[in-house]
Amino acid sequence: MTRIVRLVVLLVIAATGPVAARQSLVAADPFSAAIASAREIVVTKVAQQRIPGYVAAVYAEGRVVWAEGFGDANVETGTPVWPSTRFRIGSVSKTFTATALGILVEEGRLDLDAPVQLYVPSFPEKRFPITTRQLAGHVAGIRHYRGAEFESNRPYSSVRDALRVFEDDSLLFEPATQYSYSTYGWNLISAIIEGASGQNFLDYMQQRVFTPLGMRHTGPDRVDSIIPQRTGYYVLRDSTLANGPFVDNSVKWAGGGFLSSAEDLLRFGVAHLEPGFLRAETLALLQTPQRLRDGSETNYGLGWRVWRTSQGRHAIGHTGGSMGGTTAFVIFPDERVIVAVIANMSSVRGQAQTAFEIAELFIK
């Protein structure tokens, strides 16, 4: 087996249990042809875009049928990518945080339609009141990054401290009248979770989401800590691969600051295929597109994107772009197929489309 491609095919996944693995496919595997075609899609993409490290994983027919690492997690050391490698997943973090919102709603500890000051009294009041529901759907009018903020390398001691980046800025528009994507809106959501739960945000995520779901390779991207299996972070500069600039993602844990693995993304997806971890009404709440005041649909629920693919299939999930990471995590609820694709390089093109193409191979 070459260093370029290392295969781990995962057998059966349980939302709270370990993932079993085997080293090679058997000839009778019903997904052999699909896996071969999916591998070709990924190998071509990696070569064309000069991606140093990549992983793809698929859940279908009640089990993980494919999970494979391509290339290097660390180019300098030649450390290979595995399905358990920890990548920066960018805005897929919002989907994780949305699950915390769902738990708090189920427990009656969070009113999505109350003014945010009920949970974060120190947040300045704006011309119009804003709610958690609006923040989670990007219709609250909170701004996104400006200038070089995406490359922030300043450490923040708390989620409340990180609100200072934008809390004094005016709203972009009256809430619920427009859709405008905002990672900073999720900063405020993390403070709301702290206010509603009475716990530190990162502790709450670990105790109520990651640990119960068996997400052993998911957590905050702490730059001051040793984190096993964390990948390196790369960019292309004038067609030359380089290390990505140093950033500190403590400015945006909830909306873009988590590390995760392909294995863990599938575990998370399985827990959201049907009621169990969350109630049916909570899944619908998170995964149903919001509507603006004029009745138009936003194609975004609470932390979940909603797609209609070129094949006419309904899909939900999220994409994520971070410094040295590009991710797509997609669930096809009707077909019960989940796909995760992650790269350790910024600005990888077409990740969602790649996930859609791979999914089609495994849908029967």
Protein backbone atom coordinates (compact mmCIF):
# COMPACT_ATOMS: atom_id res chain seq x y z
CA MET A 1 0.00 0.00 0.00
CA THR A 2 1.54 3.34 -1.02
CA ARG A 3 1.90 6.39 1.19
CA ILE A 4 -0.41 8.32 -1.14
CA VAL A 5 -3.50 6.32 -0.37
CA ARG A 6 -4.18 4.40 2.83
CA LEU A 7 -7.49 2.64 3.16
CA VAL A 8 -9.51 1.95 6.25
CA VAL A 9 -12.96 0.57 5.57
CA LEU A 10 -15.17 0.92 8.61
CA LEU A 11 -17.78 -1.71 9.27
CA VAL A 12 -20.55 -0.88 11.71
CA ILE A 13 -21.04 2.45 13.41
CA ALA A 14 -23.01 3.18 16.55
CA ALA A 15 -23.67 6.71 17.65
CA THR A 16 -22.16 6.05 21.05
CA GLY A 17 -19.74 3.22 20.32
CA PRO A 18 -16.32 2.66 18.75
CA VAL A 19 -15.82 2.21 15.04
CA ALA A 20 -14.57 -1.19 13.94
CA ALA A 21 -12.22 -1.39 10.98
CA ARG A 22 -10.68 -3.76 8.46
CA GLN A 23 -7.74 -3.25 6.16
CA SER A 24 -9.11 -4.31 2.78
CA LEU A 25 -12.31 -4.85 0.91
CA VAL A 26 -13.65 -8.31 0.19
CA ALA A 27 -14.56 -9.03 -3.41
CA ALA A 28 -18.19 -9.69 -2.56
CA ASP A 29 -18.71 -6.32 -0.89
CA PRO A 30 -21.82 -4.83 -2.58
CA PHE A 31 -20.22 -1.38 -2.52
CA SER A 32 -16.94 -2.36 -4.21
CA ALA A 33 -17.80 -0.63 -7.49
CA ALA A 34 -19.09 2.47 -5.72
CA ILE A 35 -15.94 2.68 -3.61
CA ALA A 36 -13.71 2.37 -6.66
CA SER A 37 -15.59 5.17 -8.44
CA ALA A 38 -15.58 7.38 -5.34
CA ARG A 39 -11.85 6.84 -4.91
CA GLU A 40 -11.30 7.93 -8.51
CA ILE A 41 -13.29 11.14 -7.88
CA VAL A 42 -11.16 11.95 -4.84
CA VAL A 43 -7.79 11.03 -6.38
CA THR A 44 -8.55 13.23 -9.38
CA LYS A 45 -9.63 16.13 -7.18
CA VAL A 46 -6.57 15.85 -4.94
CA ALA A 47 -4.25 15.86 -7.95
CA GLN A 48 -5.98 18.69 -9.80
CA GLN A 49 -6.13 21.02 -6.80
CA ARG A 50 -2.81 19.91 -5.27
CA ILE A 51 -4.42 19.07 -1.94
CA PRO A 52 -1.87 17.72 0.55
CA GLY A 53 -4.29 15.66 2.65
CA TYR A 54 -7.87 14.53 2.21
CA VAL A 55 -10.36 12.12 3.74
CA ALA A 56 -13.72 10.84 2.51
CA ALA A 57 -16.23 8.73 4.43
CA VAL A 58 -19.67 7.30 3.62
CA TYR A 59 -22.45 5.80 5.72
CA ALA A 60 -25.10 3.79 3.86
CA GLU A 61 -27.49 0.94 4.62
CA GLY A 62 -26.93 1.24 8.34
CA ARG A 63 -23.14 1.05 8.40
CA VAL A 64 -19.99 2.89 7.43
CA VAL A 65 -19.12 1.41 4.05
CA TRP A 66 -16.09 3.52 3.15
CA ALA A 67 -13.60 5.75 4.92
CA GLU A 68 -10.26 6.50 3.32
CA GLY A 69 -7.40 8.90 3.87
CA PHE A 70 -5.38 10.33 0.98
CA GLY A 71 -2.00 12.00 1.21
CA ASP A 72 -0.41 13.65 4.20
CA ALA A 73 -1.76 15.10 7.41
CA ASN A 74 1.68 16.67 7.82
CA VAL A 75 3.67 17.19 4.65
CA GLU A 76 7.02 17.76 6.37
CA THR A 77 6.90 14.55 8.39
CA GLY A 78 4.96 12.45 5.89
CA THR A 79 2.34 11.60 8.52
CA PRO A 80 -0.57 9.97 6.67
CA VAL A 81 -4.21 11.00 6.76
CA TRP A 82 -6.54 8.50 8.45
CA PRO A 83 -10.32 8.65 9.00
CA SER A 84 -9.52 9.57 12.61
CA THR A 85 -7.29 12.54 11.67
CA ARG A 86 -8.49 15.79 13.22
CA PHE A 87 -9.14 18.58 10.71
CA ARG A 88 -10.35 22.12 11.01
CA ILE A 89 -13.98 21.84 9.94
CA GLY A 90 -14.86 25.56 9.88
CA SER A 91 -18.56 26.30 9.78
CA VAL A 92 -19.62 22.69 10.20
CA SER A 93 -19.07 23.70 13.83
CA LYS A 94 -22.39 25.57 13.60
CA THR A 95 -24.23 22.29 13.09
CA PHE A 96 -22.66 20.87 16.26
CA THR A 97 -23.64 23.99 18.20
CA ALA A 98 -27.19 23.78 16.83
CA THR A 99 -27.54 20.41 18.55
CA ALA A 100 -26.78 22.11 21.87
CA LEU A 101 -29.55 24.58 21.12
CA GLY A 102 -31.91 21.69 20.44
CA ILE A 103 -31.09 20.07 23.77
CA LEU A 104 -31.74 23.30 25.67
CA VAL A 105 -35.05 23.81 23.86
CA GLU A 106 -36.14 20.27 24.71
CA GLU A 107 -35.28 20.84 28.35
CA GLY A 108 -37.29 24.07 28.43
CA ARG A 109 -34.22 26.11 29.26
CA LEU A 110 -34.11 28.16 26.07
CA ASP A 111 -36.79 30.23 24.37
CA LEU A 112 -35.66 30.71 20.77
CA ASP A 113 -37.89 33.75 20.36
CA ALA A 114 -36.90 35.66 23.49
CA PRO A 115 -34.60 38.69 23.13
CA VAL A 116 -30.98 37.61 23.44
CA GLN A 117 -30.51 39.85 26.48
CA LEU A 118 -32.58 37.37 28.51
CA TYR A 119 -29.53 35.07 28.40
CA VAL A 120 -26.73 37.61 27.75
CA PRO A 121 -27.79 40.74 29.66
CA SER A 122 -24.53 42.54 28.86
CA PHE A 123 -25.05 42.37 25.09
CA PRO A 124 -25.96 45.88 23.87
CA GLU A 125 -29.54 46.41 22.75
CA LYS A 126 -29.91 47.31 19.09
CA ARG A 127 -32.45 49.33 17.16
CA PHE A 128 -34.50 46.15 16.79
CA PRO A 129 -34.65 43.20 19.19
CA ILE A 130 -32.92 40.03 18.01
CA THR A 131 -33.58 36.42 18.99
CA THR A 132 -31.68 33.14 19.07
CA ARG A 133 -33.84 31.75 16.27
CA GLN A 134 -32.86 34.67 14.04
CA LEU A 135 -29.18 34.34 14.92
CA ALA A 136 -29.19 30.61 14.18
CA GLY A 137 -30.73 31.22 10.76
CA HIS A 138 -28.52 34.17 9.74
CA VAL A 139 -31.44 36.57 9.60
CA ALA A 140 -30.66 38.68 12.68
CA GLY A 141 -28.56 41.31 10.90
CA ILE A 142 -25.31 40.59 12.78
CA ARG A 143 -22.32 41.20 10.52
CA HIS A 144 -19.78 38.65 9.26
CA TYR A 145 -15.98 39.03 9.08
CA ARG A 146 -14.45 42.32 7.99
CA GLY A 147 -10.99 42.97 6.64
CA ALA A 148 -8.43 40.53 8.03
CA GLU A 149 -10.66 39.23 10.84
CA PHE A 150 -10.78 35.76 9.29
CA GLU A 151 -7.04 35.52 10.02
CA SER A 152 -7.30 36.67 13.64
CA ASN A 153 -4.43 35.39 15.78
CA ARG A 154 -5.53 37.02 19.01
CA PRO A 155 -6.47 34.67 21.87
CA TYR A 156 -9.81 35.20 23.62
CA SER A 157 -10.27 34.02 27.17
CA SER A 158 -14.03 33.44 26.94
CA VAL A 159 -16.94 33.53 24.52
CA ARG A 160 -18.07 36.72 26.20
CA ASP A 161 -14.68 38.30 25.50
CA ALA A 162 -14.99 37.40 21.81
CA LEU A 163 -18.27 39.31 21.53
CA ARG A 164 -16.28 42.53 21.76
CA VAL A 165 -15.25 42.12 18.12
CA PHE A 166 -18.72 43.10 16.86
CA GLU A 167 -21.08 43.82 19.77
CA ASP A 168 -21.03 47.60 19.33
CA ASP A 169 -21.73 47.48 15.58
CA SER A 170 -25.16 48.32 14.20
CA LEU A 171 -27.35 45.64 12.67
CA LEU A 172 -27.09 45.34 8.90
CA PHE A 173 -30.88 45.28 8.54
CA GLU A 174 -34.09 44.76 10.45
CA PRO A 175 -34.16 41.11 11.59
CA ALA A 176 -36.12 38.60 9.47
CA THR A 177 -36.13 40.90 6.44
CA GLN A 178 -32.92 39.58 4.84
CA TYR A 179 -30.56 36.61 4.96
CA SER A 180 -26.89 37.44 5.58
CA TYR A 181 -24.45 34.74 6.65
CA SER A 182 -22.73 35.54 9.95
CA THR A 183 -20.27 33.47 11.94
CA TYR A 184 -20.27 36.19 14.59
CA GLY A 185 -23.97 35.56 15.17
CA TRP A 186 -22.89 32.14 16.43
CA ASN A 187 -20.46 33.78 18.84
CA LEU A 188 -23.50 35.32 20.46
CA ILE A 189 -25.27 31.94 20.38
CA SER A 190 -22.40 30.41 22.38
CA ALA A 191 -22.90 33.11 25.02
CA ILE A 192 -26.64 32.37 24.97
CA ILE A 193 -25.91 28.68 25.56
CA GLU A 194 -23.81 29.64 28.56
CA GLY A 195 -26.59 31.83 29.91
CA ALA A 196 -29.29 29.21 29.39
CA SER A 197 -27.28 26.25 30.67
CA GLY A 198 -25.27 27.88 33.43
CA GLN A 199 -22.15 26.15 32.05
CA ASN A 200 -19.07 27.12 30.13
CA PHE A 201 -19.82 26.72 26.42
CA LEU A 202 -16.98 24.31 25.60
CA ASP A 203 -17.73 22.20 28.68
CA TYR A 204 -21.39 22.03 27.68
CA MET A 205 -20.53 20.91 24.15
CA GLN A 206 -18.22 18.20 25.44
CA GLN A 207 -20.58 16.89 28.12
CA ARG A 208 -23.88 17.10 26.26
CA VAL A 209 -22.94 16.58 22.59
CA PHE A 210 -19.48 15.14 21.88
CA THR A 211 -19.12 12.62 24.70
CA PRO A 212 -22.67 11.17 24.46
CA LEU A 213 -22.23 10.69 20.71
CA GLY A 214 -18.83 9.04 21.03
CA MET A 215 -17.11 11.86 19.13
CA ARG A 216 -13.66 11.14 20.53
CA HIS A 217 -11.78 13.19 17.94
CA THR A 218 -13.84 16.37 18.18
CA GLY A 219 -13.15 19.45 20.25
CA PRO A 220 -11.87 23.03 20.20
CA ASP A 221 -8.84 23.88 18.06
CA ARG A 222 -6.68 25.06 20.95
CA VAL A 223 -3.43 26.39 19.51
CA ASP A 224 -1.64 26.21 22.87
CA SER A 225 -2.31 22.49 23.37
CA ILE A 226 -0.92 19.21 22.10
CA ILE A 227 -3.78 17.51 20.25
CA PRO A 228 -3.02 14.01 18.94
CA GLN A 229 -3.75 13.37 15.25
CA ARG A 230 -4.27 17.05 14.49
CA THR A 231 -3.42 17.78 10.87
CA GLY A 232 -1.19 20.52 9.55
CA TYR A 233 -2.82 23.50 7.82
CA TYR A 234 -1.91 24.49 4.28
CA VAL A 235 -2.60 27.08 1.59
CA LEU A 236 -1.62 27.48 -2.04
CA ARG A 237 0.34 30.64 -2.80
CA ASP A 238 1.15 31.25 -6.45
CA SER A 239 0.61 27.52 -7.06
CA THR A 240 3.10 26.65 -4.30
CA LEU A 241 2.01 24.77 -1.20
CA ALA A 242 2.76 26.66 2.03
CA ASN A 243 1.89 26.51 5.68
CA GLY A 244 -1.22 28.50 6.47
CA PRO A 245 -0.85 31.68 8.55
CA PHE A 246 -1.10 31.21 12.29
CA VAL A 247 -4.67 31.82 13.50
CA ASP A 248 -6.34 31.49 16.88
CA ASN A 249 -9.89 30.20 16.54
CA SER A 250 -10.89 31.08 20.11
CA VAL A 251 -12.61 34.05 18.50
CA LYS A 252 -15.27 31.72 17.05
CA TRP A 253 -15.59 28.33 18.76
CA ALA A 254 -19.33 27.93 18.10
CA GLY A 255 -19.34 29.03 14.48
CA GLY A 256 -16.00 27.84 13.16
CA GLY A 257 -13.53 26.76 15.81
CA PHE A 258 -13.88 23.00 16.23
CA LEU A 259 -11.66 20.17 15.07
CA SER A 260 -13.25 16.90 14.02
CA SER A 261 -12.64 13.73 12.02
CA ALA A 262 -14.50 12.00 9.22
CA GLU A 263 -15.38 9.21 11.64
CA ASP A 264 -16.91 11.66 14.08
CA LEU A 265 -18.85 13.51 11.40
CA LEU A 266 -20.54 10.25 10.44
CA ARG A 267 -21.29 9.48 14.10
CA PHE A 268 -22.86 12.91 14.44
CA GLY A 269 -24.84 12.42 11.23
CA VAL A 270 -26.23 9.05 12.34
CA ALA A 271 -27.57 10.70 15.51
CA HIS A 272 -29.51 13.17 13.32
CA LEU A 273 -30.99 10.72 10.83
CA GLU A 274 -33.92 9.88 13.07
CA PRO A 275 -35.31 10.67 16.53
CA GLY A 276 -33.42 9.28 19.48
CA PHE A 277 -30.69 11.62 20.60
CA LEU A 278 -33.04 14.50 19.74
CA ARG A 279 -36.80 14.38 19.42
CA ALA A 280 -38.48 14.33 16.00
CA GLU A 281 -39.84 17.84 16.47
CA THR A 282 -36.38 19.11 17.40
CA LEU A 283 -34.80 17.61 14.29
CA ALA A 284 -37.51 19.27 12.21
CA LEU A 285 -36.91 22.57 14.00
CA LEU A 286 -33.20 22.52 13.20
CA GLN A 287 -33.43 21.18 9.66
CA THR A 288 -36.41 23.11 8.25
CA PRO A 289 -35.55 26.27 6.26
CA GLN A 290 -36.56 29.55 7.84
CA ARG A 291 -38.69 32.11 6.04
CA LEU A 292 -38.22 35.83 5.83
CA ARG A 293 -41.01 38.22 6.61
CA ASP A 294 -41.97 38.36 2.91
CA GLY A 295 -42.44 34.56 2.92
CA SER A 296 -39.31 33.69 0.94
CA GLU A 297 -37.32 30.65 2.05
CA THR A 298 -33.69 30.98 3.14
CA ASN A 299 -32.55 27.37 2.53
CA TYR A 300 -31.11 27.44 6.05
CA GLY A 301 -32.65 26.16 9.26
CA LEU A 302 -30.95 26.51 12.65
CA GLY A 303 -27.33 25.69 11.94
CA TRP A 304 -28.23 23.39 9.04
CA ARG A 305 -28.09 24.13 5.32
CA VAL A 306 -30.79 22.65 3.11
CA TRP A 307 -30.04 21.69 -0.50
CA ARG A 308 -31.81 20.31 -3.53
CA THR A 309 -29.13 18.58 -5.60
CA SER A 310 -28.94 18.49 -9.38
CA GLN A 311 -30.40 14.97 -9.13
CA GLY A 312 -33.41 16.43 -7.32
CA ARG A 313 -32.51 14.92 -3.96
CA HIS A 314 -33.16 16.58 -0.61
CA ALA A 315 -29.95 17.03 1.40
CA ILE A 316 -29.02 18.72 4.67
CA GLY A 317 -25.73 19.46 6.39
CA HIS A 318 -23.09 22.16 6.17
CA THR A 319 -19.88 23.22 4.49
CA GLY A 320 -16.92 24.75 6.25
CA GLY A 321 -13.97 26.87 5.23
CA SER A 322 -11.17 27.68 7.67
CA MET A 323 -7.49 28.55 7.56
CA GLY A 324 -6.05 25.28 6.33
CA GLY A 325 -9.30 23.35 6.13
CA THR A 326 -12.26 22.85 3.78
CA THR A 327 -15.14 20.52 4.67
CA ALA A 328 -18.48 19.27 3.44
CA PHE A 329 -20.80 17.21 5.63
CA VAL A 330 -24.01 16.09 3.90
CA ILE A 331 -26.94 13.90 4.92
CA PHE A 332 -29.51 12.51 2.48
CA PRO A 333 -32.39 11.79 4.91
CA ASP A 334 -34.67 9.97 2.47
CA GLU A 335 -31.90 7.65 1.25
CA ARG A 336 -30.21 7.42 4.68
CA VAL A 337 -26.79 8.17 3.24
CA ILE A 338 -24.20 10.40 4.92
CA VAL A 339 -21.01 11.74 3.32
CA ALA A 340 -18.11 13.66 4.85
CA VAL A 341 -15.17 15.04 2.85
CA ILE A 342 -12.41 17.09 4.48
CA ALA A 343 -9.15 18.64 3.21
CA ASN A 344 -6.29 20.20 5.16
CA MET A 345 -6.00 23.13 2.76
CA SER A 346 -7.85 26.43 2.44
CA SER A 347 -10.20 27.22 -0.42
CA VAL A 348 -10.60 23.74 -1.87
CA ARG A 349 -13.18 24.09 -4.62
CA GLY A 350 -16.43 22.17 -4.92
CA GLN A 351 -16.50 20.23 -1.66
CA ALA A 352 -20.30 20.08 -1.46
CA GLN A 353 -20.51 18.97 -5.08
CA THR A 354 -17.93 16.28 -4.42
CA ALA A 355 -20.01 15.04 -1.49
CA PHE A 356 -23.12 14.98 -3.70
CA GLU A 357 -21.31 13.04 -6.44
CA ILE A 358 -19.97 10.49 -4.01
CA ALA A 359 -23.40 10.06 -2.39
CA GLU A 360 -24.99 9.24 -5.74
CA LEU A 361 -22.67 6.26 -6.06
CA PHE A 362 -23.93 4.75 -2.82
CA ILE A 363 -27.64 5.47 -3.18
CA LYS A 364 -29.56 2.39 -4.30
